[in-house]
Amino acid sequence: MGIDGVRQYAKGTTSLVFRARMNEKNVIIKLQRIDSPRRNFAREAEIIRTIEPFAVTPPLIAYGIFEGLEYLIREFAEGEIILHAGLEKRHLFEIVEKTALLDRLGLDHGQIQGGKHVIVGERVWLIDFEKSGWRKPRNLTSAMAMIFLSENIISRRVRENFDIDGDFLGEMRDEVRVYKRTGRLSGILHLLSRL
């Protein structure tokens, strides 16, 4: 594995994250922190491998153990976290598509609503499946709350950029309830198509 240009990118509670170049690709390297008792990269690697065919998250390149510490290497998700991204209508559809797909697979990401794990660029990526699990999923409802229904920086910007009024939000609330009850997406997609 020819890895070069390694530089620290972020620091999490269980890992140090580095950016690098590997075989002409931009990659992320997650290395278990020496002070982290938790070892869950193997589980995350397995989850990424499972959902890889659906292009929800960038492909996994490697998982292993180096000097007793777990590491995981995946392709870099090009773009900005949703908090800083300029959201277009196509991004909203892609977020719905990918979060609904995870719901159908029965995989709950667990951290969608914070926004740090939704990357928006040429395409939308969901990243960091460290805390995800095969449990009752709430991906799409969390995404719709973050983007439209909750009071936060992201929803305020989306409401302003797309000129969204209270009627639209009321309809979105209703359609999210329908989705939770029946799994039917058509109402949410119809609402987005009106933006």
Protein backbone atom coordinates (compact mmCIF):
# COMPACT_ATOMS: atom_id res chain seq x y z
CA MET A 1 0.00 0.00 0.00
CA GLY A 2 1.62 3.20 -1.15
CA ILE A 3 0.32 5.92 1.19
CA ASP A 4 1.67 9.45 1.04
CA GLY A 5 0.74 13.00 2.01
CA VAL A 6 -0.60 11.87 5.39
CA ARG A 7 -1.89 14.74 7.52
CA GLN A 8 -4.15 14.90 10.55
CA TYR A 9 -7.72 15.76 9.62
CA ALA A 10 -9.83 15.32 12.76
CA LYS A 11 -9.89 13.85 16.24
CA GLY A 12 -12.81 11.78 17.49
CA THR A 13 -13.54 10.19 20.84
CA THR A 14 -12.27 6.79 19.68
CA SER A 15 -10.04 7.65 16.73
CA LEU A 16 -7.58 9.96 15.06
CA VAL A 17 -8.52 10.71 11.46
CA PHE A 18 -5.97 11.42 8.75
CA ARG A 19 -6.24 12.40 5.10
CA ALA A 20 -3.82 10.89 2.63
CA ARG A 21 -3.24 9.82 -0.98
CA MET A 22 -3.22 6.15 -1.82
CA ASN A 23 -3.00 4.70 -5.32
CA GLU A 24 -4.08 8.02 -6.92
CA LYS A 25 -7.08 8.35 -4.59
CA ASN A 26 -7.85 10.67 -1.69
CA VAL A 27 -8.47 8.56 1.39
CA ILE A 28 -9.37 8.83 5.05
CA ILE A 29 -7.46 6.77 7.60
CA LYS A 30 -9.15 6.21 10.96
CA LEU A 31 -6.73 4.99 13.61
CA GLN A 32 -7.95 3.87 17.02
CA ARG A 33 -6.78 6.24 19.72
CA ILE A 34 -4.30 4.74 22.14
CA ASP A 35 -6.51 5.89 25.05
CA SER A 36 -9.70 4.40 23.57
CA PRO A 37 -10.90 1.21 25.21
CA ARG A 38 -13.54 0.67 22.52
CA ARG A 39 -12.71 -1.51 19.54
CA ASN A 40 -15.49 -1.21 16.99
CA PHE A 41 -13.76 -0.56 13.67
CA ALA A 42 -14.23 -4.20 12.63
CA ARG A 43 -17.99 -3.78 13.02
CA GLU A 44 -17.93 -0.49 11.12
CA ALA A 45 -15.85 -2.07 8.33
CA GLU A 46 -18.37 -4.91 8.06
CA ILE A 47 -21.27 -2.45 7.85
CA ILE A 48 -19.49 -0.42 5.14
CA ARG A 49 -18.83 -3.62 3.15
CA THR A 50 -22.49 -4.60 3.47
CA ILE A 51 -23.85 -1.28 2.14
CA GLU A 52 -21.03 -0.67 -0.37
CA PRO A 53 -23.06 -1.87 -3.40
CA PHE A 54 -25.61 0.88 -2.73
CA ALA A 55 -23.13 3.82 -2.94
CA VAL A 56 -24.39 5.33 0.32
CA THR A 57 -20.89 5.80 1.74
CA PRO A 58 -17.45 5.84 0.05
CA PRO A 59 -15.89 2.40 -0.49
CA LEU A 60 -13.81 0.70 2.17
CA ILE A 61 -10.21 0.11 1.12
CA ALA A 62 -8.76 -1.67 4.13
CA TYR A 63 -9.32 -2.68 7.73
CA GLY A 64 -6.65 -4.07 10.01
CA ILE A 65 -4.67 -3.85 13.22
CA PHE A 66 -1.37 -1.97 13.44
CA GLU A 67 0.70 -2.29 16.62
CA GLY A 68 -2.39 -3.35 18.55
CA LEU A 69 -4.57 -0.48 17.27
CA GLU A 70 -7.40 -0.89 14.78
CA TYR A 71 -7.40 1.14 11.58
CA LEU A 72 -9.82 1.61 8.75
CA ILE A 73 -9.13 3.20 5.34
CA ARG A 74 -11.87 4.36 3.02
CA GLU A 75 -12.12 6.66 0.04
CA PHE A 76 -12.52 10.31 0.98
CA ALA A 77 -16.03 11.75 0.72
CA GLU A 78 -15.53 14.85 -1.42
CA GLY A 79 -17.71 17.77 -0.38
CA GLU A 80 -18.74 19.75 2.68
CA ILE A 81 -20.67 18.72 5.76
CA ILE A 82 -24.33 19.63 5.28
CA LEU A 83 -23.98 22.47 7.79
CA HIS A 84 -21.69 24.37 5.38
CA ALA A 85 -22.91 23.04 2.02
CA GLY A 86 -24.97 24.83 -0.57
CA LEU A 87 -27.91 22.44 -0.82
CA GLU A 88 -29.57 22.02 -4.20
CA LYS A 89 -32.88 20.28 -4.88
CA ARG A 90 -31.06 17.22 -6.26
CA HIS A 91 -29.16 16.90 -2.97
CA LEU A 92 -32.44 16.80 -1.04
CA PHE A 93 -33.69 13.96 -3.25
CA GLU A 94 -30.40 12.09 -2.81
CA ILE A 95 -30.56 12.45 0.98
CA VAL A 96 -34.10 11.03 0.95
CA GLU A 97 -33.02 8.20 -1.36
CA LYS A 98 -30.02 7.17 0.73
CA THR A 99 -31.63 7.50 4.16
CA ALA A 100 -34.73 5.60 3.00
CA LEU A 101 -32.49 2.89 1.58
CA LEU A 102 -30.75 2.47 4.95
CA ASP A 103 -34.19 2.30 6.59
CA ARG A 104 -35.22 -0.48 4.19
CA LEU A 105 -32.01 -2.37 4.96
CA GLY A 106 -32.78 -2.10 8.70
CA LEU A 107 -29.60 -0.17 9.46
CA ASP A 108 -29.86 2.85 11.74
CA HIS A 109 -26.98 5.30 11.29
CA GLY A 110 -27.70 6.82 14.68
CA GLN A 111 -26.09 10.21 14.06
CA ILE A 112 -27.83 11.70 11.02
CA GLN A 113 -29.54 14.55 12.83
CA GLY A 114 -26.34 16.24 13.96
CA GLY A 115 -25.38 16.87 10.33
CA LYS A 116 -21.66 16.12 10.69
CA HIS A 117 -22.05 12.80 8.90
CA VAL A 118 -23.89 14.02 5.80
CA ILE A 119 -21.41 15.19 3.15
CA VAL A 120 -22.71 17.20 0.21
CA GLY A 121 -20.70 17.69 -2.96
CA GLU A 122 -21.09 16.41 -6.49
CA ARG A 123 -23.06 13.69 -4.72
CA VAL A 124 -24.27 13.05 -1.17
CA TRP A 125 -22.38 10.66 1.11
CA LEU A 126 -23.25 9.40 4.58
CA ILE A 127 -20.12 8.74 6.61
CA ASP A 128 -18.98 7.38 9.98
CA PHE A 129 -20.97 4.23 10.70
CA GLU A 130 -19.16 3.63 14.00
CA LYS A 131 -22.33 4.00 16.09
CA SER A 132 -24.74 2.51 13.57
CA GLY A 133 -26.51 -0.76 14.12
CA TRP A 134 -29.11 -3.23 12.89
CA ARG A 135 -31.97 -1.82 14.97
CA LYS A 136 -35.18 0.10 14.29
CA PRO A 137 -33.97 2.68 11.76
CA ARG A 138 -34.83 6.38 11.89
CA ASN A 139 -32.57 7.68 9.14
CA LEU A 140 -35.08 9.41 6.88
CA THR A 141 -37.13 10.88 9.71
CA SER A 142 -33.93 12.19 11.35
CA ALA A 143 -32.82 13.72 8.03
CA MET A 144 -36.19 15.42 7.42
CA ALA A 145 -36.19 16.77 10.99
CA MET A 146 -32.67 18.16 10.52
CA ILE A 147 -33.32 19.68 7.10
CA PHE A 148 -36.88 20.97 7.51
CA LEU A 149 -38.71 20.40 10.79
CA SER A 150 -36.34 21.15 13.69
CA GLU A 151 -35.08 24.61 14.57
CA ASN A 152 -31.40 24.71 13.59
CA ILE A 153 -28.97 26.48 11.26
CA ILE A 154 -29.48 23.94 8.47
CA SER A 155 -33.30 24.10 8.49
CA ARG A 156 -33.32 27.90 8.68
CA ARG A 157 -31.00 28.13 5.67
CA VAL A 158 -33.04 25.55 3.70
CA ARG A 159 -36.31 27.35 4.48
CA GLU A 160 -34.82 30.64 3.31
CA ASN A 161 -33.10 29.27 0.18
CA PHE A 162 -36.17 27.35 -1.00
CA ASP A 163 -38.72 29.93 0.23
CA ILE A 164 -40.49 27.36 2.40
CA ASP A 165 -43.59 28.42 4.32
CA GLY A 166 -45.55 26.99 7.23
CA ASP A 167 -47.96 25.13 4.94
CA PHE A 168 -45.09 23.19 3.36
CA LEU A 169 -43.69 22.34 6.81
CA GLY A 170 -47.11 21.15 7.97
CA GLU A 171 -47.42 18.91 4.91
CA MET A 172 -43.88 17.61 5.46
CA ARG A 173 -44.72 16.76 9.10
CA ASP A 174 -47.79 14.84 7.90
CA GLU A 175 -45.87 12.97 5.20
CA VAL A 176 -43.08 12.04 7.63
CA ARG A 177 -45.77 10.58 9.93
CA VAL A 178 -47.20 8.61 6.98
CA TYR A 179 -43.69 7.35 6.15
CA LYS A 180 -43.10 6.26 9.78
CA ARG A 181 -46.40 4.38 9.79
CA THR A 182 -46.39 2.84 6.30
CA GLY A 183 -42.93 3.28 4.74
CA ARG A 184 -44.54 5.18 1.85
CA LEU A 185 -42.16 7.74 0.33
CA SER A 186 -44.28 9.19 -2.46
CA GLY A 187 -45.69 12.06 -0.37
CA ILE A 188 -42.25 13.28 0.69
CA LEU A 189 -40.93 13.01 -2.88
CA HIS A 190 -43.97 14.90 -4.21
CA LEU A 191 -43.37 17.70 -1.69
CA LEU A 192 -39.69 17.97 -2.65
CA SER A 193 -40.60 18.11 -6.34
CA ARG A 194 -42.62 21.29 -5.63
CA LEU A 195 -39.55 23.16 -4.29
